[in-house]
Amino acid sequence: MLNSRITRFAGLLAGAAIGAALFVAPVGAQQSSQEAVRKAFAAADANGDGYLNIDEYIANVIYVFKDADKKRDGFIVEQEAIAYSPQHSPSRFKNADRNGDGKLSVGEAVGAKVIDFFEIDTNRDGVVSIDEVLVYERAMIGAGARK
């Protein structure tokens, strides 16, 4: 079960939108594949309808947050983010840390990722399709490559 959760998380990072790990930079193409993103998407699609609604998306954000919170104190500090993901992005972490205290609460994590959800939902139908995720992933990879 843990291995499937780790695989799911890796795929979620590859599909930045589903990638609930807000402290992770876009993953390079060499580390992701459409197949991995599709598998992660299917795993996150709890009701099996082929779309991620906001509830499924946020549930995954909370799962990833809880998994990354190794001290079990309700916060993620940058060291935990680094330990959890080799693609850690200090700038994404800092942007998500709305109160600037050097740690992320679950509220800050969810808030940052809700914004991503609505950026991914380009047709504004209230759900995210695999195609929207793949387009967003390509855009994030492209943005990362230009930095």
C-alpha atoms as a PDB file:
ATOM      1  CA  MET A   1       0.000   0.000   0.000  1.00  0.00           C
ATOM      2  CA  LEU A   2       2.772   2.453   0.896  1.00  0.00           C
ATOM      3  CA  ASN A   3       4.563   1.644  -2.372  1.00  0.00           C
ATOM      4  CA  SER A   4       1.395   2.386  -4.339  1.00  0.00           C
ATOM      5  CA  ARG A   5       1.006   5.676  -2.448  1.00  0.00           C
ATOM      6  CA  ILE A   6       4.604   6.632  -3.252  1.00  0.00           C
ATOM      7  CA  THR A   7       4.064   5.724  -6.904  1.00  0.00           C
ATOM      8  CA  ARG A   8       0.870   7.761  -6.853  1.00  0.00           C
ATOM      9  CA  PHE A   9       2.684  10.729  -5.373  1.00  0.00           C
ATOM     10  CA  ALA A  10       5.471  10.547  -7.947  1.00  0.00           C
ATOM     11  CA  GLY A  11       2.904  10.526 -10.701  1.00  0.00           C
ATOM     12  CA  LEU A  12       1.046  13.368  -9.093  1.00  0.00           C
ATOM     13  CA  LEU A  13       4.173  15.440  -9.077  1.00  0.00           C
ATOM     14  CA  ALA A  14       4.627  14.695 -12.737  1.00  0.00           C
ATOM     15  CA  GLY A  15       1.137  15.951 -13.386  1.00  0.00           C
ATOM     16  CA  ALA A  16       1.745  19.163 -11.468  1.00  0.00           C
ATOM     17  CA  ALA A  17      -1.942  19.842 -11.014  1.00  0.00           C
ATOM     18  CA  ILE A  18      -2.724  16.632  -9.313  1.00  0.00           C
ATOM     19  CA  GLY A  19       0.689  17.049  -7.748  1.00  0.00           C
ATOM     20  CA  ALA A  20      -0.372  18.121  -4.416  1.00  0.00           C
ATOM     21  CA  ALA A  21       3.086  18.662  -3.210  1.00  0.00           C
ATOM     22  CA  LEU A  22       3.140  22.414  -3.461  1.00  0.00           C
ATOM     23  CA  PHE A  23       6.756  22.582  -2.406  1.00  0.00           C
ATOM     24  CA  VAL A  24       7.921  20.699  -5.466  1.00  0.00           C
ATOM     25  CA  ALA A  25       9.127  22.266  -8.664  1.00  0.00           C
ATOM     26  CA  PRO A  26       7.853  21.063 -12.018  1.00  0.00           C
ATOM     27  CA  VAL A  27       9.270  17.674 -12.799  1.00  0.00           C
ATOM     28  CA  GLY A  28      11.396  17.331 -15.914  1.00  0.00           C
ATOM     29  CA  ALA A  29      10.228  15.260 -18.853  1.00  0.00           C
ATOM     30  CA  GLN A  30      12.889  12.633 -18.173  1.00  0.00           C
ATOM     31  CA  GLN A  31      11.237  11.945 -14.812  1.00  0.00           C
ATOM     32  CA  SER A  32       7.672  11.779 -15.997  1.00  0.00           C
ATOM     33  CA  SER A  33       5.702  10.019 -18.622  1.00  0.00           C
ATOM     34  CA  GLN A  34       2.162  10.235 -19.810  1.00  0.00           C
ATOM     35  CA  GLU A  35       1.620   6.698 -18.568  1.00  0.00           C
ATOM     36  CA  ALA A  36       2.749   7.597 -15.048  1.00  0.00           C
ATOM     37  CA  VAL A  37       0.539  10.688 -15.053  1.00  0.00           C
ATOM     38  CA  ARG A  38      -2.420   8.654 -16.288  1.00  0.00           C
ATOM     39  CA  LYS A  39      -1.908   6.048 -13.556  1.00  0.00           C
ATOM     40  CA  ALA A  40      -1.633   8.715 -10.886  1.00  0.00           C
ATOM     41  CA  PHE A  41      -4.714  10.448 -12.215  1.00  0.00           C
ATOM     42  CA  ALA A  42      -6.694   7.193 -12.105  1.00  0.00           C
ATOM     43  CA  ALA A  43      -5.534   6.555  -8.541  1.00  0.00           C
ATOM     44  CA  ALA A  44      -6.646  10.033  -7.457  1.00  0.00           C
ATOM     45  CA  ASP A  45      -9.994   9.676  -9.243  1.00  0.00           C
ATOM     46  CA  ALA A  46     -11.806   8.189  -6.246  1.00  0.00           C
ATOM     47  CA  ASN A  47     -15.219   7.983  -7.885  1.00  0.00           C
ATOM     48  CA  GLY A  48     -13.846   6.584 -11.147  1.00  0.00           C
ATOM     49  CA  ASP A  49     -15.629   9.054 -13.408  1.00  0.00           C
ATOM     50  CA  GLY A  50     -12.528  10.006 -15.394  1.00  0.00           C
ATOM     51  CA  TYR A  51     -12.271  13.477 -13.856  1.00  0.00           C
ATOM     52  CA  LEU A  52     -10.860  14.966 -10.689  1.00  0.00           C
ATOM     53  CA  ASN A  53     -13.306  17.139  -8.852  1.00  0.00           C
ATOM     54  CA  ILE A  54     -12.183  19.604  -6.220  1.00  0.00           C
ATOM     55  CA  ASP A  55     -12.944  17.143  -3.408  1.00  0.00           C
ATOM     56  CA  GLU A  56     -10.746  14.409  -4.880  1.00  0.00           C
ATOM     57  CA  TYR A  57      -8.015  16.928  -5.586  1.00  0.00           C
ATOM     58  CA  ILE A  58      -8.027  18.425  -2.081  1.00  0.00           C
ATOM     59  CA  ALA A  59      -8.211  14.980  -0.469  1.00  0.00           C
ATOM     60  CA  ASN A  60      -4.995  14.155  -2.270  1.00  0.00           C
ATOM     61  CA  VAL A  61      -3.366  17.424  -1.171  1.00  0.00           C
ATOM     62  CA  ILE A  62      -4.173  16.533   2.426  1.00  0.00           C
ATOM     63  CA  TYR A  63      -2.879  12.978   1.996  1.00  0.00           C
ATOM     64  CA  VAL A  64       0.426  14.215   0.586  1.00  0.00           C
ATOM     65  CA  PHE A  65       0.703  16.839   3.323  1.00  0.00           C
ATOM     66  CA  LYS A  66       0.165  14.236   6.030  1.00  0.00           C
ATOM     67  CA  ASP A  67       2.679  11.891   4.424  1.00  0.00           C
ATOM     68  CA  ALA A  68       5.312  14.642   4.150  1.00  0.00           C
ATOM     69  CA  ASP A  69       4.794  15.786   7.766  1.00  0.00           C
ATOM     70  CA  LYS A  70       7.332  13.366   9.244  1.00  0.00           C
ATOM     71  CA  LYS A  71       7.408  15.093  12.646  1.00  0.00           C
ATOM     72  CA  ARG A  72       3.612  14.732  12.847  1.00  0.00           C
ATOM     73  CA  ASP A  73       3.294  18.248  14.221  1.00  0.00           C
ATOM     74  CA  GLY A  74       0.793  19.532  11.674  1.00  0.00           C
ATOM     75  CA  PHE A  75       3.342  21.551   9.745  1.00  0.00           C
ATOM     76  CA  ILE A  76       5.833  20.944   6.980  1.00  0.00           C
ATOM     77  CA  VAL A  77       9.149  22.720   7.295  1.00  0.00           C
ATOM     78  CA  GLU A  78      11.531  23.069   4.406  1.00  0.00           C
ATOM     79  CA  GLN A  79      13.718  20.199   5.641  1.00  0.00           C
ATOM     80  CA  GLU A  80      10.717  17.864   5.486  1.00  0.00           C
ATOM     81  CA  ALA A  81       9.942  19.101   1.987  1.00  0.00           C
ATOM     82  CA  ILE A  82      13.510  18.403   0.897  1.00  0.00           C
ATOM     83  CA  ALA A  83      13.445  14.936   2.471  1.00  0.00           C
ATOM     84  CA  TYR A  84      10.098  14.163   0.859  1.00  0.00           C
ATOM     85  CA  SER A  85      10.989  15.248  -2.650  1.00  0.00           C
ATOM     86  CA  PRO A  86      14.297  15.638  -4.426  1.00  0.00           C
ATOM     87  CA  GLN A  87      12.585  18.153  -6.749  1.00  0.00           C
ATOM     88  CA  HIS A  88      11.857  20.498  -3.827  1.00  0.00           C
ATOM     89  CA  SER A  89      11.431  24.114  -4.888  1.00  0.00           C
ATOM     90  CA  PRO A  90      12.300  26.718  -2.252  1.00  0.00           C
ATOM     91  CA  SER A  91      10.406  29.398  -4.187  1.00  0.00           C
ATOM     92  CA  ARG A  92       7.170  27.376  -4.340  1.00  0.00           C
ATOM     93  CA  PHE A  93       7.518  26.598  -0.638  1.00  0.00           C
ATOM     94  CA  LYS A  94       8.039  30.279   0.185  1.00  0.00           C
ATOM     95  CA  ASN A  95       5.071  31.346  -1.949  1.00  0.00           C
ATOM     96  CA  ALA A  96       2.823  28.827  -0.217  1.00  0.00           C
ATOM     97  CA  ASP A  97       4.000  29.970   3.232  1.00  0.00           C
ATOM     98  CA  ARG A  98       1.514  32.843   3.337  1.00  0.00           C
ATOM     99  CA  ASN A  99       2.326  34.006   6.865  1.00  0.00           C
ATOM    100  CA  GLY A 100       6.093  33.733   6.372  1.00  0.00           C
ATOM    101  CA  ASP A 101       6.743  31.609   9.458  1.00  0.00           C
ATOM    102  CA  GLY A 102       8.964  29.119   7.613  1.00  0.00           C
ATOM    103  CA  LYS A 103       6.484  26.265   7.798  1.00  0.00           C
ATOM    104  CA  LEU A 104       3.392  25.210   5.925  1.00  0.00           C
ATOM    105  CA  SER A 105       0.100  24.463   7.589  1.00  0.00           C
ATOM    106  CA  VAL A 106      -2.418  22.217   5.891  1.00  0.00           C
ATOM    107  CA  GLY A 107      -4.476  25.349   5.215  1.00  0.00           C
ATOM    108  CA  GLU A 108      -1.588  27.015   3.402  1.00  0.00           C
ATOM    109  CA  ALA A 109      -0.956  23.842   1.405  1.00  0.00           C
ATOM    110  CA  VAL A 110      -4.590  23.489   0.407  1.00  0.00           C
ATOM    111  CA  GLY A 111      -4.887  27.187  -0.416  1.00  0.00           C
ATOM    112  CA  ALA A 112      -1.927  27.100  -2.760  1.00  0.00           C
ATOM    113  CA  LYS A 113      -3.134  23.982  -4.531  1.00  0.00           C
ATOM    114  CA  VAL A 114      -6.719  25.199  -4.946  1.00  0.00           C
ATOM    115  CA  ILE A 115      -5.299  28.011  -7.067  1.00  0.00           C
ATOM    116  CA  ASP A 116      -3.505  25.407  -9.205  1.00  0.00           C
ATOM    117  CA  PHE A 117      -6.718  23.402  -9.612  1.00  0.00           C
ATOM    118  CA  PHE A 118      -8.517  26.347 -11.169  1.00  0.00           C
ATOM    119  CA  GLU A 119      -5.549  27.143 -13.411  1.00  0.00           C
ATOM    120  CA  ILE A 120      -5.598  23.562 -14.694  1.00  0.00           C
ATOM    121  CA  ASP A 121      -9.355  23.569 -15.300  1.00  0.00           C
ATOM    122  CA  THR A 122      -9.017  25.538 -18.518  1.00  0.00           C
ATOM    123  CA  ASN A 123     -12.535  24.847 -19.802  1.00  0.00           C
ATOM    124  CA  ARG A 124     -13.973  25.992 -16.442  1.00  0.00           C
ATOM    125  CA  ASP A 125     -16.292  23.002 -16.001  1.00  0.00           C
ATOM    126  CA  GLY A 126     -15.359  22.474 -12.344  1.00  0.00           C
ATOM    127  CA  VAL A 127     -13.408  19.262 -12.879  1.00  0.00           C
ATOM    128  CA  VAL A 128      -9.949  18.442 -14.185  1.00  0.00           C
ATOM    129  CA  SER A 129      -9.513  16.001 -17.040  1.00  0.00           C
ATOM    130  CA  ILE A 130      -6.389  14.018 -17.808  1.00  0.00           C
ATOM    131  CA  ASP A 131      -5.936  16.105 -20.960  1.00  0.00           C
ATOM    132  CA  GLU A 132      -5.960  19.319 -18.926  1.00  0.00           C
ATOM    133  CA  VAL A 133      -3.407  17.828 -16.543  1.00  0.00           C
ATOM    134  CA  LEU A 134      -1.114  16.810 -19.398  1.00  0.00           C
ATOM    135  CA  VAL A 135      -1.332  20.274 -20.982  1.00  0.00           C
ATOM    136  CA  TYR A 136      -0.598  21.896 -17.612  1.00  0.00           C
ATOM    137  CA  GLU A 137       2.328  19.552 -17.034  1.00  0.00           C
ATOM    138  CA  ARG A 138       3.863  20.489 -20.385  1.00  0.00           C
ATOM    139  CA  ALA A 139       3.416  24.180 -19.578  1.00  0.00           C
ATOM    140  CA  MET A 140       5.039  23.757 -16.144  1.00  0.00           C
ATOM    141  CA  ILE A 141       7.955  21.849 -17.637  1.00  0.00           C
ATOM    142  CA  GLY A 142       8.358  24.561 -20.266  1.00  0.00           C
ATOM    143  CA  ALA A 143       8.266  27.283 -17.619  1.00  0.00           C
ATOM    144  CA  GLY A 144      10.865  25.425 -15.566  1.00  0.00           C
ATOM    145  CA  ALA A 145      13.109  25.040 -18.594  1.00  0.00           C
ATOM    146  CA  ARG A 146      13.029  28.810 -19.232  1.00  0.00           C
ATOM    147  CA  LYS A 147      14.130  29.731 -15.713  1.00  0.00           C
END
